[in-house]
Amino acid sequence: IYHAVVQGHPDPLAGTIDAPIGRHPGSSWKFAV
């Protein structure tokens, strides 16, 4: 369990993000959906 402060207000206020993550196509240091 983590706590995070994010910009703005997620909609809905509670939920699930189910999205595959891989290497960012334009950067060897970043990741992306």
All heavy atoms as atom14 arrays in JSON, in Angstrom:
{
  "sequence": "IYHAVVQGHPDPLAGTIDAPIGRHPGSSWKFAV",
  "atom14_mask": [
    [1, 1, 1, 1, 1, 1, 1, 1, 0, 0, 0, 0, 0, 0],
    [1, 1, 1, 1, 1, 1, 1, 1, 1, 1, 1, 1, 0, 0],
    [1, 1, 1, 1, 1, 1, 1, 1, 1, 1, 0, 0, 0, 0],
    [1, 1, 1, 1, 1, 0, 0, 0, 0, 0, 0, 0, 0, 0],
    [1, 1, 1, 1, 1, 1, 1, 0, 0, 0, 0, 0, 0, 0],
    [1, 1, 1, 1, 1, 1, 1, 0, 0, 0, 0, 0, 0, 0],
    [1, 1, 1, 1, 1, 1, 1, 1, 1, 0, 0, 0, 0, 0],
    [1, 1, 1, 1, 0, 0, 0, 0, 0, 0, 0, 0, 0, 0],
    [1, 1, 1, 1, 1, 1, 1, 1, 1, 1, 0, 0, 0, 0],
    [1, 1, 1, 1, 1, 1, 1, 0, 0, 0, 0, 0, 0, 0],
    [1, 1, 1, 1, 1, 1, 1, 1, 0, 0, 0, 0, 0, 0],
    [1, 1, 1, 1, 1, 1, 1, 0, 0, 0, 0, 0, 0, 0],
    [1, 1, 1, 1, 1, 1, 1, 1, 0, 0, 0, 0, 0, 0],
    [1, 1, 1, 1, 1, 0, 0, 0, 0, 0, 0, 0, 0, 0],
    [1, 1, 1, 1, 0, 0, 0, 0, 0, 0, 0, 0, 0, 0],
    [1, 1, 1, 1, 1, 1, 1, 0, 0, 0, 0, 0, 0, 0],
    [1, 1, 1, 1, 1, 1, 1, 1, 0, 0, 0, 0, 0, 0],
    [1, 1, 1, 1, 1, 1, 1, 1, 0, 0, 0, 0, 0, 0],
    [1, 1, 1, 1, 1, 0, 0, 0, 0, 0, 0, 0, 0, 0],
    [1, 1, 1, 1, 1, 1, 1, 0, 0, 0, 0, 0, 0, 0],
    [1, 1, 1, 1, 1, 1, 1, 1, 0, 0, 0, 0, 0, 0],
    [1, 1, 1, 1, 0, 0, 0, 0, 0, 0, 0, 0, 0, 0],
    [1, 1, 1, 1, 1, 1, 1, 1, 1, 1, 1, 0, 0, 0],
    [1, 1, 1, 1, 1, 1, 1, 1, 1, 1, 0, 0, 0, 0],
    [1, 1, 1, 1, 1, 1, 1, 0, 0, 0, 0, 0, 0, 0],
    [1, 1, 1, 1, 0, 0, 0, 0, 0, 0, 0, 0, 0, 0],
    [1, 1, 1, 1, 1, 1, 0, 0, 0, 0, 0, 0, 0, 0],
    [1, 1, 1, 1, 1, 1, 0, 0, 0, 0, 0, 0, 0, 0],
    [1, 1, 1, 1, 1, 1, 1, 1, 1, 1, 1, 1, 1, 1],
    [1, 1, 1, 1, 1, 1, 1, 1, 1, 0, 0, 0, 0, 0],
    [1, 1, 1, 1, 1, 1, 1, 1, 1, 1, 1, 0, 0, 0],
    [1, 1, 1, 1, 1, 0, 0, 0, 0, 0, 0, 0, 0, 0],
    [1, 1, 1, 1, 1, 1, 1, 0, 0, 0, 0, 0, 0, 0]
  ],
  "atom14_positions": [
    [[0.85, -1.19, 0.0], [0.0, 0.0, 0.0], [0.89, 1.24, 0.0], [1.79, 1.37, 0.83], [-0.96, 0.01, 1.2], [-1.97, -1.13, 1.06], [-1.68, 1.35, 1.31], [-2.96, -1.22, 2.2], [0.0, 0.0, 0.0], [0.0, 0.0, 0.0], [0.0, 0.0, 0.0], [0.0, 0.0, 0.0], [0.0, 0.0, 0.0], [0.0, 0.0, 0.0]],
    [[0.6, 2.13, -0.93], [1.34, 3.38, -1.09], [0.39, 4.55, -0.85], [-0.81, 4.44, -1.04], [1.9, 3.51, -2.5], [2.98, 2.53, -2.87], [2.69, 1.18, -3.07], [4.3, 2.95, -3.04], [3.68, 0.27, -3.41], [5.3, 2.05, -3.39], [4.98, 0.71, -3.57], [5.96, -0.19, -3.91], [0.0, 0.0, 0.0], [0.0, 0.0, 0.0]],
    [[0.96, 5.69, -0.47], [0.24, 6.95, -0.5], [0.91, 7.83, -1.54], [2.14, 7.83, -1.66], [0.25, 7.63, 0.87], [-0.73, 7.04, 1.85], [-1.0, 7.6, 3.07], [-1.51, 5.93, 1.76], [-1.9, 6.87, 3.7], [-2.23, 5.84, 2.93], [0.0, 0.0, 0.0], [0.0, 0.0, 0.0], [0.0, 0.0, 0.0], [0.0, 0.0, 0.0]],
    [[0.08, 8.53, -2.3], [0.59, 9.41, -3.35], [-0.25, 10.68, -3.39], [-1.47, 10.63, -3.17], [0.54, 8.72, -4.72], [0.0, 0.0, 0.0], [0.0, 0.0, 0.0], [0.0, 0.0, 0.0], [0.0, 0.0, 0.0], [0.0, 0.0, 0.0], [0.0, 0.0, 0.0], [0.0, 0.0, 0.0], [0.0, 0.0, 0.0], [0.0, 0.0, 0.0]],
    [[0.39, 11.8, -3.64], [-0.33, 13.03, -3.92], [-0.22, 13.26, -5.42], [0.88, 13.33, -5.97], [0.24, 14.23, -3.14], [-0.42, 15.53, -3.62], [0.01, 14.05, -1.64], [0.0, 0.0, 0.0], [0.0, 0.0, 0.0], [0.0, 0.0, 0.0], [0.0, 0.0, 0.0], [0.0, 0.0, 0.0], [0.0, 0.0, 0.0], [0.0, 0.0, 0.0]],
    [[-1.37, 13.32, -6.07], [-1.4, 13.49, -7.52], [-2.06, 14.81, -7.88], [-2.83, 15.37, -7.08], [-2.16, 12.33, -8.2], [-1.51, 10.99, -7.85], [-3.64, 12.32, -7.82], [0.0, 0.0, 0.0], [0.0, 0.0, 0.0], [0.0, 0.0, 0.0], [0.0, 0.0, 0.0], [0.0, 0.0, 0.0], [0.0, 0.0, 0.0], [0.0, 0.0, 0.0]],
    [[-1.76, 15.31, -9.05], [-2.37, 16.55, -9.51], [-3.83, 16.34, -9.87], [-4.2, 15.3, -10.43], [-1.61, 17.08, -10.72], [-0.21, 17.55, -10.38], [0.56, 18.08, -11.57], [1.77, 18.24, -11.49], [-0.11, 18.37, -12.68], [0.0, 0.0, 0.0], [0.0, 0.0, 0.0], [0.0, 0.0, 0.0], [0.0, 0.0, 0.0], [0.0, 0.0, 0.0]],
    [[-4.65, 17.31, -9.52], [-6.07, 17.24, -9.86], [-6.84, 16.26, -9.02], [-6.4, 15.86, -7.92], [0.0, 0.0, 0.0], [0.0, 0.0, 0.0], [0.0, 0.0, 0.0], [0.0, 0.0, 0.0], [0.0, 0.0, 0.0], [0.0, 0.0, 0.0], [0.0, 0.0, 0.0], [0.0, 0.0, 0.0], [0.0, 0.0, 0.0], [0.0, 0.0, 0.0]],
    [[-8.0, 15.84, -9.53], [-8.91, 14.96, -8.79], [-9.33, 13.81, -9.7], [-10.05, 14.03, -10.68], [-10.15, 15.74, -8.33], [-9.81, 16.99, -7.58], [-10.05, 18.25, -8.08], [-9.18, 17.18, -6.39], [-9.63, 19.16, -7.22], [-9.08, 18.54, -6.19], [0.0, 0.0, 0.0], [0.0, 0.0, 0.0], [0.0, 0.0, 0.0], [0.0, 0.0, 0.0]],
    [[-8.88, 12.6, -9.39], [-9.26, 11.45, -10.23], [-10.79, 11.29, -10.28], [-11.48, 11.53, -9.3], [-8.61, 10.26, -9.52], [-7.47, 10.86, -8.75], [-7.96, 12.21, -8.31], [0.0, 0.0, 0.0], [0.0, 0.0, 0.0], [0.0, 0.0, 0.0], [0.0, 0.0, 0.0], [0.0, 0.0, 0.0], [0.0, 0.0, 0.0], [0.0, 0.0, 0.0]],
    [[-11.28, 10.88, -11.42], [-12.71, 10.65, -11.62], [-12.88, 9.27, -12.25], [-12.44, 9.07, -13.38], [-13.29, 11.73, -12.54], [-14.81, 11.6, -12.7], [-15.42, 10.84, -11.93], [-15.35, 12.23, -13.63], [0.0, 0.0, 0.0], [0.0, 0.0, 0.0], [0.0, 0.0, 0.0], [0.0, 0.0, 0.0], [0.0, 0.0, 0.0], [0.0, 0.0, 0.0]],
    [[-13.43, 8.31, -11.49], [-14.05, 8.44, -10.17], [-13.01, 8.61, -9.06], [-11.82, 8.41, -9.29], [-14.79, 7.11, -10.02], [-14.0, 6.14, -10.83], [-13.52, 6.92, -12.01], [0.0, 0.0, 0.0], [0.0, 0.0, 0.0], [0.0, 0.0, 0.0], [0.0, 0.0, 0.0], [0.0, 0.0, 0.0], [0.0, 0.0, 0.0], [0.0, 0.0, 0.0]],
    [[-13.49, 8.95, -7.87], [-12.59, 9.2, -6.75], [-11.9, 7.94, -6.26], [-10.87, 8.0, -5.59], [-13.36, 9.86, -5.6], [-13.91, 11.25, -5.89], [-14.71, 11.76, -4.69], [-12.79, 12.22, -6.22], [0.0, 0.0, 0.0], [0.0, 0.0, 0.0], [0.0, 0.0, 0.0], [0.0, 0.0, 0.0], [0.0, 0.0, 0.0], [0.0, 0.0, 0.0]],
    [[-12.49, 6.78, -6.56], [-11.87, 5.49, -6.24], [-12.09, 4.57, -7.44], [-13.14, 4.63, -8.1], [-12.49, 4.88, -4.98], [0.0, 0.0, 0.0], [0.0, 0.0, 0.0], [0.0, 0.0, 0.0], [0.0, 0.0, 0.0], [0.0, 0.0, 0.0], [0.0, 0.0, 0.0], [0.0, 0.0, 0.0], [0.0, 0.0, 0.0], [0.0, 0.0, 0.0]],
    [[-11.11, 3.75, -7.73], [-11.27, 2.88, -8.88], [-10.05, 2.01, -9.11], [-9.15, 1.92, -8.27], [0.0, 0.0, 0.0], [0.0, 0.0, 0.0], [0.0, 0.0, 0.0], [0.0, 0.0, 0.0], [0.0, 0.0, 0.0], [0.0, 0.0, 0.0], [0.0, 0.0, 0.0], [0.0, 0.0, 0.0], [0.0, 0.0, 0.0], [0.0, 0.0, 0.0]],
    [[-10.03, 1.37, -10.26], [-8.96, 0.47, -10.65], [-8.45, 0.86, -12.03], [-9.25, 1.1, -12.95], [-9.45, -0.99, -10.67], [-9.81, -1.38, -9.35], [-8.37, -1.93, -11.19], [0.0, 0.0, 0.0], [0.0, 0.0, 0.0], [0.0, 0.0, 0.0], [0.0, 0.0, 0.0], [0.0, 0.0, 0.0], [0.0, 0.0, 0.0], [0.0, 0.0, 0.0]],
    [[-7.14, 0.91, -12.16], [-6.51, 1.14, -13.47], [-5.89, -0.18, -13.91], [-4.99, -0.7, -13.25], [-5.43, 2.24, -13.38], [-6.03, 3.54, -12.83], [-4.81, 2.49, -14.75], [-4.98, 4.58, -12.48], [0.0, 0.0, 0.0], [0.0, 0.0, 0.0], [0.0, 0.0, 0.0], [0.0, 0.0, 0.0], [0.0, 0.0, 0.0], [0.0, 0.0, 0.0]],
    [[-6.39, -0.72, -14.99], [-5.91, -2.0, -15.53], [-5.39, -1.72, -16.93], [-6.15, -1.67, -17.9], [-7.05, -3.02, -15.55], [-6.59, -4.41, -15.95], [-5.45, -4.55, -16.43], [-7.38, -5.37, -15.8], [0.0, 0.0, 0.0], [0.0, 0.0, 0.0], [0.0, 0.0, 0.0], [0.0, 0.0, 0.0], [0.0, 0.0, 0.0], [0.0, 0.0, 0.0]],
    [[-4.08, -1.47, -17.04], [-3.49, -1.1, -18.31], [-2.06, -1.62, -18.37], [-1.29, -1.41, -17.42], [-3.5, 0.43, -18.48], [0.0, 0.0, 0.0], [0.0, 0.0, 0.0], [0.0, 0.0, 0.0], [0.0, 0.0, 0.0], [0.0, 0.0, 0.0], [0.0, 0.0, 0.0], [0.0, 0.0, 0.0], [0.0, 0.0, 0.0], [0.0, 0.0, 0.0]],
    [[-1.67, -2.28, -19.46], [-0.32, -2.87, -19.55], [0.77, -1.81, -19.59], [0.6, -0.74, -20.18], [-0.37, -3.68, -20.85], [-1.44, -3.01, -21.66], [-2.45, -2.51, -20.68], [0.0, 0.0, 0.0], [0.0, 0.0, 0.0], [0.0, 0.0, 0.0], [0.0, 0.0, 0.0], [0.0, 0.0, 0.0], [0.0, 0.0, 0.0], [0.0, 0.0, 0.0]],
    [[1.89, -2.12, -18.95], [3.02, -1.19, -18.89], [4.25, -1.84, -19.53], [4.58, -2.99, -19.27], [3.33, -0.79, -17.44], [2.19, 0.08, -16.88], [4.67, -0.05, -17.34], [2.36, 0.45, -15.42], [0.0, 0.0, 0.0], [0.0, 0.0, 0.0], [0.0, 0.0, 0.0], [0.0, 0.0, 0.0], [0.0, 0.0, 0.0], [0.0, 0.0, 0.0]],
    [[4.92, -1.05, -20.38], [6.15, -1.5, -21.02], [7.11, -0.34, -21.18], [6.84, 0.78, -20.74], [0.0, 0.0, 0.0], [0.0, 0.0, 0.0], [0.0, 0.0, 0.0], [0.0, 0.0, 0.0], [0.0, 0.0, 0.0], [0.0, 0.0, 0.0], [0.0, 0.0, 0.0], [0.0, 0.0, 0.0], [0.0, 0.0, 0.0], [0.0, 0.0, 0.0]],
    [[8.21, -0.6, -21.83], [9.19, 0.46, -22.08], [8.58, 1.56, -22.93], [7.8, 1.31, -23.85], [10.4, -0.11, -22.82], [11.27, -1.04, -21.96], [12.23, -0.25, -21.11], [12.95, -1.11, -20.19], [13.89, -0.68, -19.36], [14.21, 0.59, -19.33], [14.51, -1.52, -18.55], [0.0, 0.0, 0.0], [0.0, 0.0, 0.0], [0.0, 0.0, 0.0]],
    [[8.92, 2.8, -22.61], [8.45, 3.94, -23.38], [9.08, 3.88, -24.76], [10.31, 3.71, -24.88], [8.84, 5.23, -22.67], [8.15, 6.46, -23.2], [8.44, 6.99, -24.43], [7.18, 7.24, -22.65], [7.7, 8.06, -24.62], [6.92, 8.22, -23.57], [0.0, 0.0, 0.0], [0.0, 0.0, 0.0], [0.0, 0.0, 0.0], [0.0, 0.0, 0.0]],
    [[8.29, 4.02, -25.82], [8.87, 3.9, -27.17], [9.89, 4.97, -27.51], [10.71, 4.78, -28.4], [7.64, 4.01, -28.09], [6.59, 4.69, -27.26], [6.84, 4.25, -25.85], [0.0, 0.0, 0.0], [0.0, 0.0, 0.0], [0.0, 0.0, 0.0], [0.0, 0.0, 0.0], [0.0, 0.0, 0.0], [0.0, 0.0, 0.0], [0.0, 0.0, 0.0]],
    [[9.87, 6.08, -26.78], [10.79, 7.17, -27.11], [11.88, 7.41, -26.1], [12.63, 8.37, -26.2], [0.0, 0.0, 0.0], [0.0, 0.0, 0.0], [0.0, 0.0, 0.0], [0.0, 0.0, 0.0], [0.0, 0.0, 0.0], [0.0, 0.0, 0.0], [0.0, 0.0, 0.0], [0.0, 0.0, 0.0], [0.0, 0.0, 0.0], [0.0, 0.0, 0.0]],
    [[11.98, 6.54, -25.07], [12.97, 6.75, -24.02], [13.36, 5.42, -23.39], [12.5, 4.6, -23.06], [12.42, 7.69, -22.93], [13.28, 7.72, -21.82], [0.0, 0.0, 0.0], [0.0, 0.0, 0.0], [0.0, 0.0, 0.0], [0.0, 0.0, 0.0], [0.0, 0.0, 0.0], [0.0, 0.0, 0.0], [0.0, 0.0, 0.0], [0.0, 0.0, 0.0]],
    [[14.66, 5.21, -23.2], [15.13, 3.97, -22.57], [15.01, 4.03, -21.05], [15.21, 3.02, -20.37], [16.58, 3.69, -22.97], [17.43, 4.76, -22.56], [0.0, 0.0, 0.0], [0.0, 0.0, 0.0], [0.0, 0.0, 0.0], [0.0, 0.0, 0.0], [0.0, 0.0, 0.0], [0.0, 0.0, 0.0], [0.0, 0.0, 0.0], [0.0, 0.0, 0.0]],
    [[14.69, 5.22, -20.49], [14.62, 5.38, -19.04], [13.2, 5.41, -18.5], [12.98, 5.24, -17.32], [15.34, 6.66, -18.62], [16.77, 6.69, -19.02], [17.33, 7.4, -20.04], [17.84, 5.95, -18.43], [18.67, 7.15, -20.12], [19.03, 6.26, -19.14], [17.92, 5.06, -17.37], [20.26, 5.71, -18.83], [19.15, 4.5, -17.05], [20.3, 4.83, -17.76]],
    [[12.23, 5.63, -19.41], [10.85, 5.78, -18.96], [10.01, 4.55, -19.33], [10.4, 3.74, -20.17], [10.22, 7.03, -19.61], [10.82, 8.33, -19.15], [10.26, 9.5, -19.94], [8.78, 9.69, -19.78], [8.28, 10.9, -20.47], [0.0, 0.0, 0.0], [0.0, 0.0, 0.0], [0.0, 0.0, 0.0], [0.0, 0.0, 0.0], [0.0, 0.0, 0.0]],
    [[8.83, 4.49, -18.71], [7.88, 3.44, -19.03], [6.56, 4.11, -19.43], [6.36, 5.31, -19.22], [7.69, 2.51, -17.83], [8.92, 1.69, -17.53], [9.99, 2.24, -16.83], [9.02, 0.39, -17.98], [11.13, 1.49, -16.57], [10.16, -0.36, -17.72], [11.22, 0.18, -17.03], [0.0, 0.0, 0.0], [0.0, 0.0, 0.0], [0.0, 0.0, 0.0]],
    [[5.68, 3.32, -20.03], [4.43, 3.89, -20.52], [3.39, 2.78, -20.63], [3.71, 1.59, -20.62], [4.65, 4.55, -21.89], [0.0, 0.0, 0.0], [0.0, 0.0, 0.0], [0.0, 0.0, 0.0], [0.0, 0.0, 0.0], [0.0, 0.0, 0.0], [0.0, 0.0, 0.0], [0.0, 0.0, 0.0], [0.0, 0.0, 0.0], [0.0, 0.0, 0.0]],
    [[2.13, 3.2, -20.72], [1.06, 2.25, -21.04], [1.17, 1.92, -22.52], [1.07, 2.81, -23.37], [-0.32, 2.85, -20.71], [-1.43, 1.97, -21.25], [-0.48, 3.04, -19.2], [0.0, 0.0, 0.0], [0.0, 0.0, 0.0], [0.0, 0.0, 0.0], [0.0, 0.0, 0.0], [0.0, 0.0, 0.0], [0.0, 0.0, 0.0], [0.0, 0.0, 0.0]]
  ]
}
